[in-house]
């Protein structure tokens, strides 16, 4: 039953998409492209990239510290020396 509903939805979408045509598609594509390449959006993308980079760096530092700490504890438990 779900498959039939899916096929009906796909058929309706195809018919409506065919009727709107290439011109409407090109118009929508041009508007989206203009929006995504606008200065405010580019600023947000840059800020998000900087934030992600900083967060990844901090996470890497935390993981490294945790590995060092765990390695030290493991060495203490096994009686191995790090020198």
PDB file of N, CA and C in Angstrom:
ATOM      1  N   UNK A   1       0.826  -1.200   0.000  1.00  0.00           N
ATOM      2  CA  UNK A   1       0.000   0.000   0.000  1.00  0.00           C
ATOM      3  C   UNK A   1       0.863   1.252   0.000  1.00  0.00           C
ATOM      4  N   UNK A   2       1.909   1.255   0.831  1.00  0.00           N
ATOM      5  CA  UNK A   2       2.801   2.415   0.886  1.00  0.00           C
ATOM      6  C   UNK A   2       3.490   2.626  -0.451  1.00  0.00           C
ATOM      7  N   UNK A   3       3.820   1.532  -1.117  1.00  0.00           N
ATOM      8  CA  UNK A   3       4.484   1.642  -2.411  1.00  0.00           C
ATOM      9  C   UNK A   3       3.565   2.295  -3.438  1.00  0.00           C
ATOM     10  N   UNK A   4       2.296   1.968  -3.406  1.00  0.00           N
ATOM     11  CA  UNK A   4       1.326   2.561  -4.336  1.00  0.00           C
ATOM     12  C   UNK A   4       1.188   4.056  -4.064  1.00  0.00           C
ATOM     13  N   UNK A   5       1.156   4.440  -2.797  1.00  0.00           N
ATOM     14  CA  UNK A   5       1.071   5.856  -2.448  1.00  0.00           C
ATOM     15  C   UNK A   5       2.331   6.577  -2.922  1.00  0.00           C
ATOM     16  N   UNK A   6       3.483   5.942  -2.754  1.00  0.00           N
ATOM     17  CA  UNK A   6       4.733   6.525  -3.228  1.00  0.00           C
ATOM     18  C   UNK A   6       4.708   6.729  -4.735  1.00  0.00           C
ATOM     19  N   UNK A   7       4.271   5.705  -5.468  1.00  0.00           N
ATOM     20  CA  UNK A   7       4.209   5.815  -6.929  1.00  0.00           C
ATOM     21  C   UNK A   7       3.235   6.916  -7.364  1.00  0.00           C
ATOM     22  N   UNK A   8       2.115   7.033  -6.671  1.00  0.00           N
ATOM     23  CA  UNK A   8       1.149   8.081  -7.009  1.00  0.00           C
ATOM     24  C   UNK A   8       1.760   9.452  -6.763  1.00  0.00           C
ATOM     25  N   UNK A   9       2.455   9.612  -5.656  1.00  0.00           N
ATOM     26  CA  UNK A   9       3.123  10.889  -5.363  1.00  0.00           C
ATOM     27  C   UNK A   9       4.192  11.212  -6.378  1.00  0.00           C
ATOM     28  N   UNK A  10       4.958  10.203  -6.774  1.00  0.00           N
ATOM     29  CA  UNK A  10       6.002  10.407  -7.782  1.00  0.00           C
ATOM     30  C   UNK A  10       5.380  10.805  -9.119  1.00  0.00           C
ATOM     31  N   UNK A  11       4.268  10.182  -9.472  1.00  0.00           N
ATOM     32  CA  UNK A  11       3.601  10.511 -10.736  1.00  0.00           C
ATOM     33  C   UNK A  11       3.075  11.942 -10.721  1.00  0.00           C
ATOM     34  N   UNK A  12       2.451  12.348  -9.614  1.00  0.00           N
ATOM     35  CA  UNK A  12       1.940  13.721  -9.494  1.00  0.00           C
ATOM     36  C   UNK A  12       3.099  14.707  -9.567  1.00  0.00           C
ATOM     37  N   UNK A  13       4.189  14.422  -8.874  1.00  0.00           N
ATOM     38  CA  UNK A  13       5.358  15.291  -8.921  1.00  0.00           C
ATOM     39  C   UNK A  13       5.933  15.394 -10.314  1.00  0.00           C
ATOM     40  N   UNK A  14       5.962  14.283 -11.021  1.00  0.00           N
ATOM     41  CA  UNK A  14       6.479  14.289 -12.383  1.00  0.00           C
ATOM     42  C   UNK A  14       5.614  15.139 -13.301  1.00  0.00           C
ATOM     43  N   UNK A  15       4.294  14.970 -13.187  1.00  0.00           N
ATOM     44  CA  UNK A  15       3.380  15.741 -14.042  1.00  0.00           C
ATOM     45  C   UNK A  15       3.490  17.226 -13.741  1.00  0.00           C
ATOM     46  N   UNK A  16       3.482  17.580 -12.459  1.00  0.00           N
ATOM     47  CA  UNK A  16       3.584  18.996 -12.105  1.00  0.00           C
ATOM     48  C   UNK A  16       4.934  19.565 -12.511  1.00  0.00           C
ATOM     49  N   UNK A  17       5.991  18.794 -12.339  1.00  0.00           N
ATOM     50  CA  UNK A  17       7.319  19.243 -12.740  1.00  0.00           C
ATOM     51  C   UNK A  17       7.418  19.418 -14.243  1.00  0.00           C
ATOM     52  N   UNK A  18       6.788  18.533 -14.993  1.00  0.00           N
ATOM     53  CA  UNK A  18       6.821  18.634 -16.452  1.00  0.00           C
ATOM     54  C   UNK A  18       6.064  19.864 -16.929  1.00  0.00           C
ATOM     55  N   UNK A  19       4.985  20.183 -16.256  1.00  0.00           N
ATOM     56  CA  UNK A  19       4.184  21.335 -16.665  1.00  0.00           C
ATOM     57  C   UNK A  19       4.896  22.646 -16.370  1.00  0.00           C
ATOM     58  N   UNK A  20       5.644  22.696 -15.275  1.00  0.00           N
ATOM     59  CA  UNK A  20       6.313  23.945 -14.948  1.00  0.00           C
ATOM     60  C   UNK A  20       7.450  24.213 -15.924  1.00  0.00           C
ATOM     61  N   UNK A  21       8.077  23.167 -16.404  1.00  0.00           N
ATOM     62  CA  UNK A  21       9.044  23.294 -17.468  1.00  0.00           C
ATOM     63  C   UNK A  21      10.422  23.762 -17.041  1.00  0.00           C
ATOM     64  N   UNK A  22      11.266  23.821 -18.036  1.00  0.00           N
ATOM     65  CA  UNK A  22      12.673  24.167 -17.834  1.00  0.00           C
ATOM     66  C   UNK A  22      12.849  25.626 -17.414  1.00  0.00           C
ATOM     67  N   UNK A  23      12.008  26.512 -17.919  1.00  0.00           N
ATOM     68  CA  UNK A  23      12.134  27.937 -17.615  1.00  0.00           C
ATOM     69  C   UNK A  23      11.963  28.184 -16.115  1.00  0.00           C
ATOM     70  N   UNK A  24      10.962  27.559 -15.524  1.00  0.00           N
ATOM     71  CA  UNK A  24      10.730  27.712 -14.087  1.00  0.00           C
ATOM     72  C   UNK A  24      11.883  27.110 -13.297  1.00  0.00           C
ATOM     73  N   UNK A  25      12.371  25.970 -13.742  1.00  0.00           N
ATOM     74  CA  UNK A  25      13.513  25.339 -13.084  1.00  0.00           C
ATOM     75  C   UNK A  25      14.734  26.259 -13.106  1.00  0.00           C
ATOM     76  N   UNK A  26      14.999  26.840 -14.273  1.00  0.00           N
ATOM     77  CA  UNK A  26      16.142  27.745 -14.394  1.00  0.00           C
ATOM     78  C   UNK A  26      15.974  28.990 -13.520  1.00  0.00           C
ATOM     79  N   UNK A  27      14.756  29.490 -13.419  1.00  0.00           N
ATOM     80  CA  UNK A  27      14.486  30.647 -12.565  1.00  0.00           C
ATOM     81  C   UNK A  27      14.751  30.316 -11.101  1.00  0.00           C
ATOM     82  N   UNK A  28      14.242  29.187 -10.660  1.00  0.00           N
ATOM     83  CA  UNK A  28      14.451  28.765  -9.265  1.00  0.00           C
ATOM     84  C   UNK A  28      15.935  28.537  -9.005  1.00  0.00           C
ATOM     85  N   UNK A  29      16.614  27.894  -9.925  1.00  0.00           N
ATOM     86  CA  UNK A  29      18.040  27.622  -9.773  1.00  0.00           C
ATOM     87  C   UNK A  29      18.832  28.923  -9.679  1.00  0.00           C
ATOM     88  N   UNK A  30      18.499  29.908 -10.497  1.00  0.00           N
ATOM     89  CA  UNK A  30      19.179  31.201 -10.481  1.00  0.00           C
ATOM     90  C   UNK A  30      18.941  31.929  -9.156  1.00  0.00           C
ATOM     91  N   UNK A  31      17.709  31.861  -8.636  1.00  0.00           N
ATOM     92  CA  UNK A  31      17.403  32.504  -7.356  1.00  0.00           C
ATOM     93  C   UNK A  31      18.153  31.849  -6.203  1.00  0.00           C
ATOM     94  N   UNK A  32      18.199  30.532  -6.195  1.00  0.00           N
ATOM     95  CA  UNK A  32      18.915  29.818  -5.139  1.00  0.00           C
ATOM     96  C   UNK A  32      20.403  30.124  -5.220  1.00  0.00           C
ATOM     97  N   UNK A  33      20.939  30.135  -6.421  1.00  0.00           N
ATOM     98  CA  UNK A  33      22.356  30.437  -6.603  1.00  0.00           C
ATOM     99  C   UNK A  33      22.676  31.855  -6.136  1.00  0.00           C
ATOM    100  N   UNK A  34      21.797  32.805  -6.463  1.00  0.00           N
ATOM    101  CA  UNK A  34      21.998  34.182  -6.014  1.00  0.00           C
ATOM    102  C   UNK A  34      21.980  34.285  -4.502  1.00  0.00           C
ATOM    103  N   UNK A  35      21.106  33.534  -3.875  1.00  0.00           N
ATOM    104  CA  UNK A  35      21.020  33.541  -2.416  1.00  0.00           C
ATOM    105  C   UNK A  35      22.266  32.934  -1.788  1.00  0.00           C
ATOM    106  N   UNK A  36      22.671  31.771  -2.288  1.00  0.00           N
ATOM    107  CA  UNK A  36      23.806  31.084  -1.672  1.00  0.00           C
ATOM    108  C   UNK A  36      25.123  31.809  -1.896  1.00  0.00           C
ATOM    109  N   UNK A  37      25.206  32.627  -2.931  1.00  0.00           N
ATOM    110  CA  UNK A  37      26.435  33.370  -3.199  1.00  0.00           C
ATOM    111  C   UNK A  37      26.385  34.802  -2.666  1.00  0.00           C
ATOM    112  N   UNK A  38      25.332  35.149  -1.935  1.00  0.00           N
ATOM    113  CA  UNK A  38      25.223  36.498  -1.386  1.00  0.00           C
ATOM    114  C   UNK A  38      26.221  36.688  -0.243  1.00  0.00           C
ATOM    115  N   UNK A  39      26.570  37.942   0.012  1.00  0.00           N
ATOM    116  CA  UNK A  39      27.565  38.265   1.033  1.00  0.00           C
ATOM    117  C   UNK A  39      27.169  37.787   2.437  1.00  0.00           C
ATOM    118  N   UNK A  40      25.938  38.004   2.898  1.00  0.00           N
ATOM    119  CA  UNK A  40      25.592  37.523   4.245  1.00  0.00           C
ATOM    120  C   UNK A  40      25.719  36.007   4.393  1.00  0.00           C
ATOM    121  N   UNK A  41      25.313  35.270   3.386  1.00  0.00           N
ATOM    122  CA  UNK A  41      25.407  33.813   3.449  1.00  0.00           C
ATOM    123  C   UNK A  41      26.873  33.386   3.461  1.00  0.00           C
ATOM    124  N   UNK A  42      27.709  34.046   2.671  1.00  0.00           N
ATOM    125  CA  UNK A  42      29.130  33.727   2.648  1.00  0.00           C
ATOM    126  C   UNK A  42      29.782  34.020   4.005  1.00  0.00           C
ATOM    127  N   UNK A  43      29.351  35.103   4.659  1.00  0.00           N
ATOM    128  CA  UNK A  43      29.881  35.425   5.978  1.00  0.00           C
ATOM    129  C   UNK A  43      29.504  34.352   6.999  1.00  0.00           C
ATOM    130  N   UNK A  44      28.266  33.898   6.943  1.00  0.00           N
ATOM    131  CA  UNK A  44      27.813  32.845   7.863  1.00  0.00           C
ATOM    132  C   UNK A  44      28.572  31.558   7.589  1.00  0.00           C
ATOM    133  N   UNK A  45      28.775  31.222   6.316  1.00  0.00           N
ATOM    134  CA  UNK A  45      29.532  30.020   5.977  1.00  0.00           C
ATOM    135  C   UNK A  45      30.955  30.107   6.516  1.00  0.00           C
ATOM    136  N   UNK A  46      31.572  31.277   6.387  1.00  0.00           N
ATOM    137  CA  UNK A  46      32.929  31.460   6.899  1.00  0.00           C
ATOM    138  C   UNK A  46      32.983  31.328   8.412  1.00  0.00           C
ATOM    139  N   UNK A  47      32.025  31.958   9.086  1.00  0.00           N
ATOM    140  CA  UNK A  47      31.982  31.881  10.549  1.00  0.00           C
ATOM    141  C   UNK A  47      31.743  30.445  11.012  1.00  0.00           C
ATOM    142  N   UNK A  48      30.866  29.733  10.328  1.00  0.00           N
ATOM    143  CA  UNK A  48      30.591  28.344  10.692  1.00  0.00           C
ATOM    144  C   UNK A  48      31.830  27.476  10.464  1.00  0.00           C
ATOM    145  N   UNK A  49      32.544  27.726   9.383  1.00  0.00           N
ATOM    146  CA  UNK A  49      33.772  26.976   9.115  1.00  0.00           C
ATOM    147  C   UNK A  49      34.830  27.235  10.172  1.00  0.00           C
ATOM    148  N   UNK A  50      34.976  28.510  10.570  1.00  0.00           N
ATOM    149  CA  UNK A  50      35.937  28.853  11.618  1.00  0.00           C
ATOM    150  C   UNK A  50      35.571  28.181  12.939  1.00  0.00           C
ATOM    151  N   UNK A  51      34.295  28.216  13.271  1.00  0.00           N
ATOM    152  CA  UNK A  51      33.827  27.595  14.513  1.00  0.00           C
ATOM    153  C   UNK A  51      34.070  26.092  14.491  1.00  0.00           C
ATOM    154  N   UNK A  52      33.781  25.458  13.369  1.00  0.00           N
ATOM    155  CA  UNK A  52      33.988  24.012  13.249  1.00  0.00           C
ATOM    156  C   UNK A  52      35.471  23.671  13.357  1.00  0.00           C
ATOM    157  N   UNK A  53      36.312  24.479  12.753  1.00  0.00           N
ATOM    158  CA  UNK A  53      37.752  24.250  12.823  1.00  0.00           C
ATOM    159  C   UNK A  53      38.261  24.372  14.253  1.00  0.00           C
ATOM    160  N   UNK A  54      37.803  25.400  14.957  1.00  0.00           N
ATOM    161  CA  UNK A  54      38.210  25.602  16.346  1.00  0.00           C
ATOM    162  C   UNK A  54      37.723  24.446  17.219  1.00  0.00           C
ATOM    163  N   UNK A  55      36.480  24.035  17.018  1.00  0.00           N
ATOM    164  CA  UNK A  55      35.919  22.939  17.814  1.00  0.00           C
ATOM    165  C   UNK A  55      36.679  21.642  17.544  1.00  0.00           C
ATOM    166  N   UNK A  56      37.028  21.388  16.285  1.00  0.00           N
ATOM    167  CA  UNK A  56      37.768  20.170  15.951  1.00  0.00           C
ATOM    168  C   UNK A  56      39.150  20.194  16.593  1.00  0.00           C
ATOM    169  N   UNK A  57      39.787  21.355  16.598  1.00  0.00           N
ATOM    170  CA  UNK A  57      41.107  21.479  17.217  1.00  0.00           C
ATOM    171  C   UNK A  57      41.035  21.220  18.719  1.00  0.00           C
ATOM    172  N   UNK A  58      40.046  21.818  19.367  1.00  0.00           N
ATOM    173  CA  UNK A  58      39.885  21.618  20.807  1.00  0.00           C
ATOM    174  C   UNK A  58      39.554  20.160  21.125  1.00  0.00           C
ATOM    175  N   UNK A  59      38.726  19.552  20.312  1.00  0.00           N
ATOM    176  CA  UNK A  59      38.388  18.151  20.519  1.00  0.00           C
ATOM    177  C   UNK A  59      39.624  17.271  20.361  1.00  0.00           C
ATOM    178  N   UNK A  60      40.439  17.584  19.365  1.00  0.00           N
ATOM    179  CA  UNK A  60      41.674  16.829  19.163  1.00  0.00           C
ATOM    180  C   UNK A  60      42.591  16.942  20.366  1.00  0.00           C
ATOM    181  N   UNK A  61      42.691  18.144  20.924  1.00  0.00           N
ATOM    182  CA  UNK A  61      43.515  18.339  22.118  1.00  0.00           C
ATOM    183  C   UNK A  61      42.980  17.526  23.289  1.00  0.00           C
ATOM    184  N   UNK A  62      41.678  17.523  23.478  1.00  0.00           N
ATOM    185  CA  UNK A  62      41.073  16.763  24.576  1.00  0.00           C
ATOM    186  C   UNK A  62      41.297  15.266  24.412  1.00  0.00           C
ATOM    187  N   UNK A  63      41.152  14.787  23.200  1.00  0.00           N
ATOM    188  CA  UNK A  63      41.357  13.354  22.940  1.00  0.00           C
ATOM    189  C   UNK A  63      42.820  12.995  23.199  1.00  0.00           C
ATOM    190  N   UNK A  64      43.725  13.829  22.739  1.00  0.00           N
ATOM    191  CA  UNK A  64      45.147  13.576  22.963  1.00  0.00           C
ATOM    192  C   UNK A  64      45.470  13.529  24.452  1.00  0.00           C
ATOM    193  N   UNK A  65      44.917  14.470  25.215  1.00  0.00           N
ATOM    194  CA  UNK A  65      45.134  14.481  26.659  1.00  0.00           C
ATOM    195  C   UNK A  65      44.570  13.219  27.305  1.00  0.00           C
ATOM    196  N   UNK A  66      43.385  12.806  26.875  1.00  0.00           N
ATOM    197  CA  UNK A  66      42.763  11.607  27.438  1.00  0.00           C
ATOM    198  C   UNK A  66      43.581  10.364  27.117  1.00  0.00           C
ATOM    199  N   UNK A  67      44.125  10.289  25.913  1.00  0.00           N
ATOM    200  CA  UNK A  67      44.948   9.141  25.533  1.00  0.00           C
ATOM    201  C   UNK A  67      46.224   9.121  26.371  1.00  0.00           C
ATOM    202  N   UNK A  68      46.844  10.281  26.542  1.00  0.00           N
ATOM    203  CA  UNK A  68      48.056  10.353  27.364  1.00  0.00           C
ATOM    204  C   UNK A  68      47.766   9.914  28.800  1.00  0.00           C
ATOM    205  N   UNK A  69      46.660  10.382  29.344  1.00  0.00           N
ATOM    206  CA  UNK A  69      46.287  10.033  30.716  1.00  0.00           C
ATOM    207  C   UNK A  69      46.023   8.529  30.833  1.00  0.00           C
ATOM    208  N   UNK A  70      45.281   7.984  29.876  1.00  0.00           N
ATOM    209  CA  UNK A  70      44.972   6.554  29.899  1.00  0.00           C
ATOM    210  C   UNK A  70      46.244   5.737  29.723  1.00  0.00           C
ATOM    211  N   UNK A  71      47.127   6.189  28.867  1.00  0.00           N
ATOM    212  CA  UNK A  71      48.390   5.483  28.653  1.00  0.00           C
ATOM    213  C   UNK A  71      49.228   5.472  29.925  1.00  0.00           C
ATOM    214  N   UNK A  72      49.245   6.611  30.632  1.00  0.00           N
ATOM    215  CA  UNK A  72      49.982   6.685  31.894  1.00  0.00           C
ATOM    216  C   UNK A  72      49.414   5.745  32.937  1.00  0.00           C
ATOM    217  N   UNK A  73      48.095   5.694  33.029  1.00  0.00           N
ATOM    218  CA  UNK A  73      47.462   4.789  33.994  1.00  0.00           C
ATOM    219  C   UNK A  73      47.737   3.337  33.626  1.00  0.00           C
ATOM    220  N   UNK A  74      47.702   3.032  32.347  1.00  0.00           N
ATOM    221  CA  UNK A  74      47.967   1.666  31.900  1.00  0.00           C
ATOM    222  C   UNK A  74      49.405   1.277  32.217  1.00  0.00           C
ATOM    223  N   UNK A  75      50.325   2.211  31.999  1.00  0.00           N
ATOM    224  CA  UNK A  75      51.721   1.943  32.334  1.00  0.00           C
ATOM    225  C   UNK A  75      51.883   1.712  33.831  1.00  0.00           C
ATOM    226  N   UNK A  76      51.169   2.497  34.652  1.00  0.00           N
ATOM    227  CA  UNK A  76      51.240   2.312  36.108  1.00  0.00           C
ATOM    228  C   UNK A  76      50.714   0.929  36.508  1.00  0.00           C
ATOM    229  N   UNK A  77      49.616   0.517  35.866  1.00  0.00           N
ATOM    230  CA  UNK A  77      49.026  -0.774  36.198  1.00  0.00           C
ATOM    231  C   UNK A  77      49.907  -1.949  35.761  1.00  0.00           C
ATOM    232  N   UNK A  78      50.554  -1.802  34.640  1.00  0.00           N
ATOM    233  CA  UNK A  78      51.382  -2.895  34.125  1.00  0.00           C
ATOM    234  C   UNK A  78      52.807  -2.836  34.629  1.00  0.00           C
ATOM    235  N   UNK A  79      53.168  -1.719  35.289  1.00  0.00           N
ATOM    236  CA  UNK A  79      54.513  -1.585  35.828  1.00  0.00           C
ATOM    237  C   UNK A  79      55.532  -1.155  34.806  1.00  0.00           C
ATOM    238  N   UNK A  80      55.073  -0.705  33.647  1.00  0.00           N
ATOM    239  CA  UNK A  80      56.003  -0.241  32.615  1.00  0.00           C
ATOM    240  C   UNK A  80      56.389   1.197  32.901  1.00  0.00           C
ATOM    241  N   UNK A  81      57.577   1.536  32.491  1.00  0.00           N
ATOM    242  CA  UNK A  81      58.083   2.901  32.656  1.00  0.00           C
ATOM    243  C   UNK A  81      58.050   3.597  31.307  1.00  0.00           C
ATOM    244  N   UNK A  82      57.710   4.887  31.291  1.00  0.00           N
ATOM    245  CA  UNK A  82      57.642   5.638  30.027  1.00  0.00           C
ATOM    246  C   UNK A  82      59.006   6.132  29.603  1.00  0.00           C
ATOM    247  N   UNK A  83      60.068   5.998  30.417  1.00  0.00           N
ATOM    248  CA  UNK A  83      61.389   6.477  30.036  1.00  0.00           C
ATOM    249  C   UNK A  83      62.266   5.424  29.459  1.00  0.00           C
TER     250      UNK A  83
END
